[in-house]
Amino acid sequence: MEQAGVAVPDASPDPAFQWLPATPNPFRESVALRFVLPRRMAVRLEVFDLAGRVVAILADGPLEAGDHLVRWNGREDRAGNAPAGLYFARFDAAGIHERHKLVLAR
């Protein structure tokens, strides 16, 4: 007797999306954040401190499909240089959510 197969959805909302490691990490002057989009989509890329405060908004709007490189220079949007410490990059786009640690060493 043959049983009907059960479809198991892919765990990734879009398997063609790629988030590449931040380099260098730890960093002193700037860190490169790279990702590959499978299609045009609205992207929001932010940097948060340990208190959950938005330190910098690096991308906020539509980006074309393909390879993207965004740099964070270790500066806060509303102030000067961010202090040394642990930060988090948060990427959100069309159901894709990525969180990555960044270490700023002054």
N, C-alpha and C. Protein backbone atom coordinates (compact mmCIF):
# COMPACT_ATOMS: atom_id res chain seq x y z
N MET A 1 0.84 -1.17 0.00
CA MET A 1 0.00 0.00 0.00
C MET A 1 0.89 1.24 0.00
N GLU A 2 0.62 2.15 -0.89
CA GLU A 2 1.41 3.36 -1.03
C GLU A 2 0.75 4.49 -0.26
N GLN A 3 1.56 5.22 0.50
CA GLN A 3 1.02 6.34 1.27
C GLN A 3 1.26 7.64 0.52
N ALA A 4 0.34 8.55 0.69
CA ALA A 4 0.50 9.87 0.08
C ALA A 4 1.62 10.62 0.76
N GLY A 5 2.44 11.29 -0.03
CA GLY A 5 3.54 12.06 0.55
C GLY A 5 3.02 13.32 1.22
N VAL A 6 3.77 13.77 2.18
CA VAL A 6 3.43 15.00 2.89
C VAL A 6 4.43 16.06 2.48
N ALA A 7 3.94 17.14 1.96
CA ALA A 7 4.83 18.23 1.55
C ALA A 7 5.31 18.97 2.78
N VAL A 8 6.61 19.14 2.88
CA VAL A 8 7.21 19.89 3.97
C VAL A 8 7.74 21.19 3.39
N PRO A 9 7.22 22.33 3.84
CA PRO A 9 7.68 23.60 3.27
C PRO A 9 9.14 23.85 3.60
N ASP A 10 9.81 24.53 2.70
CA ASP A 10 11.19 24.94 2.92
C ASP A 10 11.21 25.87 4.12
N ALA A 11 12.21 25.72 5.00
CA ALA A 11 12.31 26.56 6.20
C ALA A 11 12.63 28.01 5.85
N SER A 12 13.30 28.23 4.73
CA SER A 12 13.66 29.58 4.32
C SER A 12 12.55 30.18 3.47
N PRO A 13 12.13 31.43 3.73
CA PRO A 13 11.08 32.04 2.94
C PRO A 13 11.50 32.26 1.48
N ASP A 14 12.77 32.41 1.22
CA ASP A 14 13.28 32.58 -0.13
C ASP A 14 14.69 32.00 -0.20
N PRO A 15 14.82 30.74 -0.67
CA PRO A 15 16.12 30.07 -0.62
C PRO A 15 17.21 30.76 -1.42
N ALA A 16 16.88 31.67 -2.32
CA ALA A 16 17.91 32.35 -3.11
C ALA A 16 18.52 33.53 -2.35
N PHE A 17 17.91 33.95 -1.24
CA PHE A 17 18.48 35.04 -0.45
C PHE A 17 19.75 34.56 0.23
N GLN A 18 20.76 35.42 0.30
CA GLN A 18 22.00 35.08 1.01
C GLN A 18 22.42 36.26 1.87
N TRP A 19 22.82 35.97 3.09
CA TRP A 19 23.44 36.96 3.97
C TRP A 19 24.85 36.47 4.19
N LEU A 20 25.83 37.27 3.84
CA LEU A 20 27.23 36.87 3.96
C LEU A 20 27.81 37.45 5.25
N PRO A 21 28.85 36.82 5.80
CA PRO A 21 29.42 37.31 7.06
C PRO A 21 29.90 38.76 6.96
N ALA A 22 29.67 39.50 8.03
CA ALA A 22 30.15 40.89 8.11
C ALA A 22 31.67 40.86 8.18
N THR A 23 32.32 41.77 7.44
CA THR A 23 33.78 41.80 7.45
C THR A 23 34.28 43.24 7.48
N PRO A 24 35.34 43.52 8.20
CA PRO A 24 35.87 42.66 9.25
C PRO A 24 34.97 42.73 10.47
N ASN A 25 35.03 41.75 11.29
CA ASN A 25 34.23 41.74 12.52
C ASN A 25 34.99 40.95 13.56
N PRO A 26 35.54 41.61 14.56
CA PRO A 26 35.41 43.00 15.01
C PRO A 26 36.01 43.98 14.00
N PHE A 27 35.55 45.25 14.13
CA PHE A 27 36.04 46.31 13.23
C PHE A 27 36.34 47.56 14.03
N ARG A 28 37.17 48.43 13.43
CA ARG A 28 37.53 49.70 14.06
C ARG A 28 36.93 50.89 13.31
N GLU A 29 37.05 50.90 11.99
CA GLU A 29 36.61 52.06 11.21
C GLU A 29 35.29 51.82 10.49
N SER A 30 35.13 50.68 9.85
CA SER A 30 33.87 50.36 9.19
C SER A 30 33.75 48.85 8.99
N VAL A 31 32.50 48.42 8.87
CA VAL A 31 32.21 47.01 8.65
C VAL A 31 31.35 46.91 7.39
N ALA A 32 31.61 45.90 6.57
CA ALA A 32 30.86 45.68 5.34
C ALA A 32 29.81 44.60 5.59
N LEU A 33 28.57 44.94 5.26
CA LEU A 33 27.45 44.00 5.36
C LEU A 33 27.02 43.67 3.93
N ARG A 34 27.10 42.38 3.56
CA ARG A 34 26.78 41.96 2.19
C ARG A 34 25.61 41.01 2.19
N PHE A 35 24.73 41.19 1.20
CA PHE A 35 23.60 40.28 1.03
C PHE A 35 23.24 40.23 -0.44
N VAL A 36 22.57 39.13 -0.81
CA VAL A 36 22.14 38.92 -2.19
C VAL A 36 20.62 38.80 -2.18
N LEU A 37 19.97 39.65 -2.97
CA LEU A 37 18.52 39.62 -3.08
C LEU A 37 18.10 38.85 -4.34
N PRO A 38 17.13 37.95 -4.24
CA PRO A 38 16.69 37.18 -5.40
C PRO A 38 15.82 37.99 -6.36
N ARG A 39 15.26 39.08 -5.86
CA ARG A 39 14.38 39.93 -6.67
C ARG A 39 14.32 41.31 -6.02
N ARG A 40 13.76 42.27 -6.71
CA ARG A 40 13.58 43.61 -6.15
C ARG A 40 12.66 43.51 -4.94
N MET A 41 13.05 44.16 -3.86
CA MET A 41 12.22 44.16 -2.65
C MET A 41 12.59 45.33 -1.76
N ALA A 42 11.64 45.70 -0.91
CA ALA A 42 11.88 46.75 0.08
C ALA A 42 12.72 46.16 1.20
N VAL A 43 13.78 46.85 1.55
CA VAL A 43 14.74 46.37 2.55
C VAL A 43 14.88 47.41 3.65
N ARG A 44 14.93 46.93 4.87
CA ARG A 44 15.28 47.79 6.01
C ARG A 44 16.45 47.13 6.72
N LEU A 45 17.56 47.87 6.83
CA LEU A 45 18.77 47.39 7.49
C LEU A 45 19.15 48.41 8.55
N GLU A 46 19.12 47.97 9.81
CA GLU A 46 19.37 48.87 10.94
C GLU A 46 20.46 48.29 11.83
N VAL A 47 21.08 49.18 12.59
CA VAL A 47 22.05 48.78 13.62
C VAL A 47 21.47 49.19 14.96
N PHE A 48 21.47 48.24 15.91
CA PHE A 48 20.96 48.46 17.27
C PHE A 48 22.07 48.30 18.28
N ASP A 49 21.95 49.01 19.39
CA ASP A 49 22.87 48.80 20.50
C ASP A 49 22.27 47.76 21.45
N LEU A 50 22.97 47.45 22.52
CA LEU A 50 22.50 46.43 23.47
C LEU A 50 21.21 46.81 24.18
N ALA A 51 20.91 48.10 24.26
CA ALA A 51 19.67 48.55 24.90
C ALA A 51 18.48 48.46 23.95
N GLY A 52 18.73 48.07 22.68
CA GLY A 52 17.66 47.97 21.71
C GLY A 52 17.36 49.27 20.99
N ARG A 53 18.22 50.26 21.18
CA ARG A 53 18.05 51.56 20.54
C ARG A 53 18.61 51.53 19.13
N VAL A 54 17.88 52.09 18.17
CA VAL A 54 18.38 52.18 16.79
C VAL A 54 19.52 53.18 16.76
N VAL A 55 20.68 52.73 16.35
CA VAL A 55 21.87 53.56 16.28
C VAL A 55 22.02 54.14 14.87
N ALA A 56 21.75 53.32 13.86
CA ALA A 56 21.90 53.76 12.48
C ALA A 56 20.93 53.01 11.57
N ILE A 57 20.40 53.70 10.59
CA ILE A 57 19.58 53.08 9.55
C ILE A 57 20.43 53.09 8.29
N LEU A 58 20.78 51.90 7.80
CA LEU A 58 21.69 51.78 6.67
C LEU A 58 20.97 51.62 5.34
N ALA A 59 19.76 51.10 5.37
CA ALA A 59 18.95 50.96 4.15
C ALA A 59 17.49 50.99 4.56
N ASP A 60 16.69 51.68 3.76
CA ASP A 60 15.26 51.76 4.04
C ASP A 60 14.51 52.10 2.76
N GLY A 61 14.24 51.06 1.97
CA GLY A 61 13.54 51.27 0.72
C GLY A 61 13.80 50.15 -0.25
N PRO A 62 13.30 50.29 -1.47
CA PRO A 62 13.45 49.22 -2.45
C PRO A 62 14.88 49.10 -2.97
N LEU A 63 15.33 47.86 -3.12
CA LEU A 63 16.63 47.56 -3.72
C LEU A 63 16.41 46.54 -4.83
N GLU A 64 17.20 46.64 -5.87
CA GLU A 64 17.10 45.71 -6.99
C GLU A 64 17.67 44.35 -6.63
N ALA A 65 17.33 43.35 -7.41
CA ALA A 65 17.89 42.01 -7.23
C ALA A 65 19.40 42.06 -7.43
N GLY A 66 20.11 41.18 -6.74
CA GLY A 66 21.55 41.09 -6.92
C GLY A 66 22.32 41.27 -5.64
N ASP A 67 23.61 41.44 -5.80
CA ASP A 67 24.57 41.54 -4.70
C ASP A 67 24.60 42.98 -4.19
N HIS A 68 24.52 43.14 -2.87
CA HIS A 68 24.55 44.48 -2.26
C HIS A 68 25.59 44.51 -1.15
N LEU A 69 26.30 45.62 -1.06
CA LEU A 69 27.27 45.84 0.01
C LEU A 69 26.92 47.17 0.67
N VAL A 70 26.71 47.12 1.98
CA VAL A 70 26.38 48.32 2.75
C VAL A 70 27.43 48.42 3.86
N ARG A 71 27.97 49.60 4.06
CA ARG A 71 28.97 49.79 5.12
C ARG A 71 28.38 50.58 6.28
N TRP A 72 28.79 50.19 7.48
CA TRP A 72 28.50 51.00 8.66
C TRP A 72 29.83 51.53 9.16
N ASN A 73 29.91 52.85 9.31
CA ASN A 73 31.16 53.50 9.69
C ASN A 73 31.31 53.67 11.20
N GLY A 74 30.49 53.00 11.98
CA GLY A 74 30.62 53.09 13.43
C GLY A 74 30.11 54.39 14.01
N ARG A 75 29.30 55.09 13.24
CA ARG A 75 28.73 56.36 13.71
C ARG A 75 27.24 56.21 13.94
N GLU A 76 26.75 56.94 14.92
CA GLU A 76 25.32 56.99 15.19
C GLU A 76 24.68 58.01 14.25
N ASP A 77 23.46 57.75 13.82
CA ASP A 77 22.77 58.68 12.93
C ASP A 77 22.58 60.06 13.57
N ARG A 78 22.32 60.11 14.86
CA ARG A 78 22.01 61.38 15.52
C ARG A 78 23.15 61.94 16.37
N ALA A 79 24.27 61.27 16.36
CA ALA A 79 25.39 61.71 17.19
C ALA A 79 26.69 61.44 16.45
N GLY A 80 27.76 61.44 17.17
CA GLY A 80 29.06 61.18 16.58
C GLY A 80 29.38 59.70 16.56
N ASN A 81 30.61 59.41 16.88
CA ASN A 81 31.07 58.02 16.89
C ASN A 81 30.34 57.22 17.96
N ALA A 82 29.92 56.01 17.60
CA ALA A 82 29.33 55.11 18.58
C ALA A 82 30.45 54.57 19.46
N PRO A 83 30.17 54.34 20.74
CA PRO A 83 31.21 53.78 21.60
C PRO A 83 31.53 52.34 21.23
N ALA A 84 32.72 51.90 21.61
CA ALA A 84 33.11 50.51 21.38
C ALA A 84 32.11 49.60 22.08
N GLY A 85 31.85 48.46 21.48
CA GLY A 85 30.94 47.51 22.11
C GLY A 85 30.26 46.59 21.11
N LEU A 86 29.24 45.90 21.60
CA LEU A 86 28.49 44.94 20.81
C LEU A 86 27.25 45.61 20.22
N TYR A 87 27.02 45.38 18.94
CA TYR A 87 25.87 45.92 18.22
C TYR A 87 25.22 44.79 17.44
N PHE A 88 24.03 45.04 16.95
CA PHE A 88 23.32 44.05 16.15
C PHE A 88 22.84 44.69 14.86
N ALA A 89 23.12 44.03 13.73
CA ALA A 89 22.57 44.44 12.44
C ALA A 89 21.27 43.66 12.26
N ARG A 90 20.20 44.36 11.92
CA ARG A 90 18.90 43.71 11.70
C ARG A 90 18.46 43.99 10.28
N PHE A 91 18.23 42.92 9.52
CA PHE A 91 17.81 42.97 8.14
C PHE A 91 16.39 42.45 8.04
N ASP A 92 15.50 43.20 7.41
CA ASP A 92 14.11 42.77 7.20
C ASP A 92 13.71 43.10 5.78
N ALA A 93 13.17 42.09 5.07
CA ALA A 93 12.68 42.29 3.70
C ALA A 93 11.79 41.13 3.30
N ALA A 94 10.54 41.41 2.97
CA ALA A 94 9.63 40.43 2.39
C ALA A 94 9.64 39.08 3.11
N GLY A 95 9.50 39.11 4.42
CA GLY A 95 9.47 37.87 5.18
C GLY A 95 10.83 37.30 5.50
N ILE A 96 11.90 37.95 5.12
CA ILE A 96 13.26 37.52 5.44
C ILE A 96 13.73 38.36 6.61
N HIS A 97 14.17 37.70 7.67
CA HIS A 97 14.62 38.40 8.87
C HIS A 97 15.98 37.83 9.28
N GLU A 98 16.97 38.68 9.34
CA GLU A 98 18.32 38.27 9.75
C GLU A 98 18.80 39.18 10.87
N ARG A 99 19.50 38.61 11.83
CA ARG A 99 20.11 39.35 12.93
C ARG A 99 21.55 38.88 13.06
N HIS A 100 22.48 39.84 13.15
CA HIS A 100 23.89 39.47 13.26
C HIS A 100 24.61 40.39 14.22
N LYS A 101 25.53 39.81 14.98
CA LYS A 101 26.33 40.57 15.94
C LYS A 101 27.46 41.29 15.21
N LEU A 102 27.70 42.51 15.66
CA LEU A 102 28.83 43.31 15.18
C LEU A 102 29.60 43.79 16.38
N VAL A 103 30.92 43.73 16.33
CA VAL A 103 31.74 44.18 17.44
C VAL A 103 32.58 45.37 16.97
N LEU A 104 32.31 46.52 17.59
CA LEU A 104 33.05 47.74 17.29
C LEU A 104 34.14 47.89 18.33
N ALA A 105 35.40 47.87 17.88
CA ALA A 105 36.57 48.01 18.77
C ALA A 105 37.26 49.32 18.43
N ARG A 106 37.25 50.25 19.36
CA ARG A 106 37.87 51.57 19.12
C ARG A 106 39.32 51.55 19.54
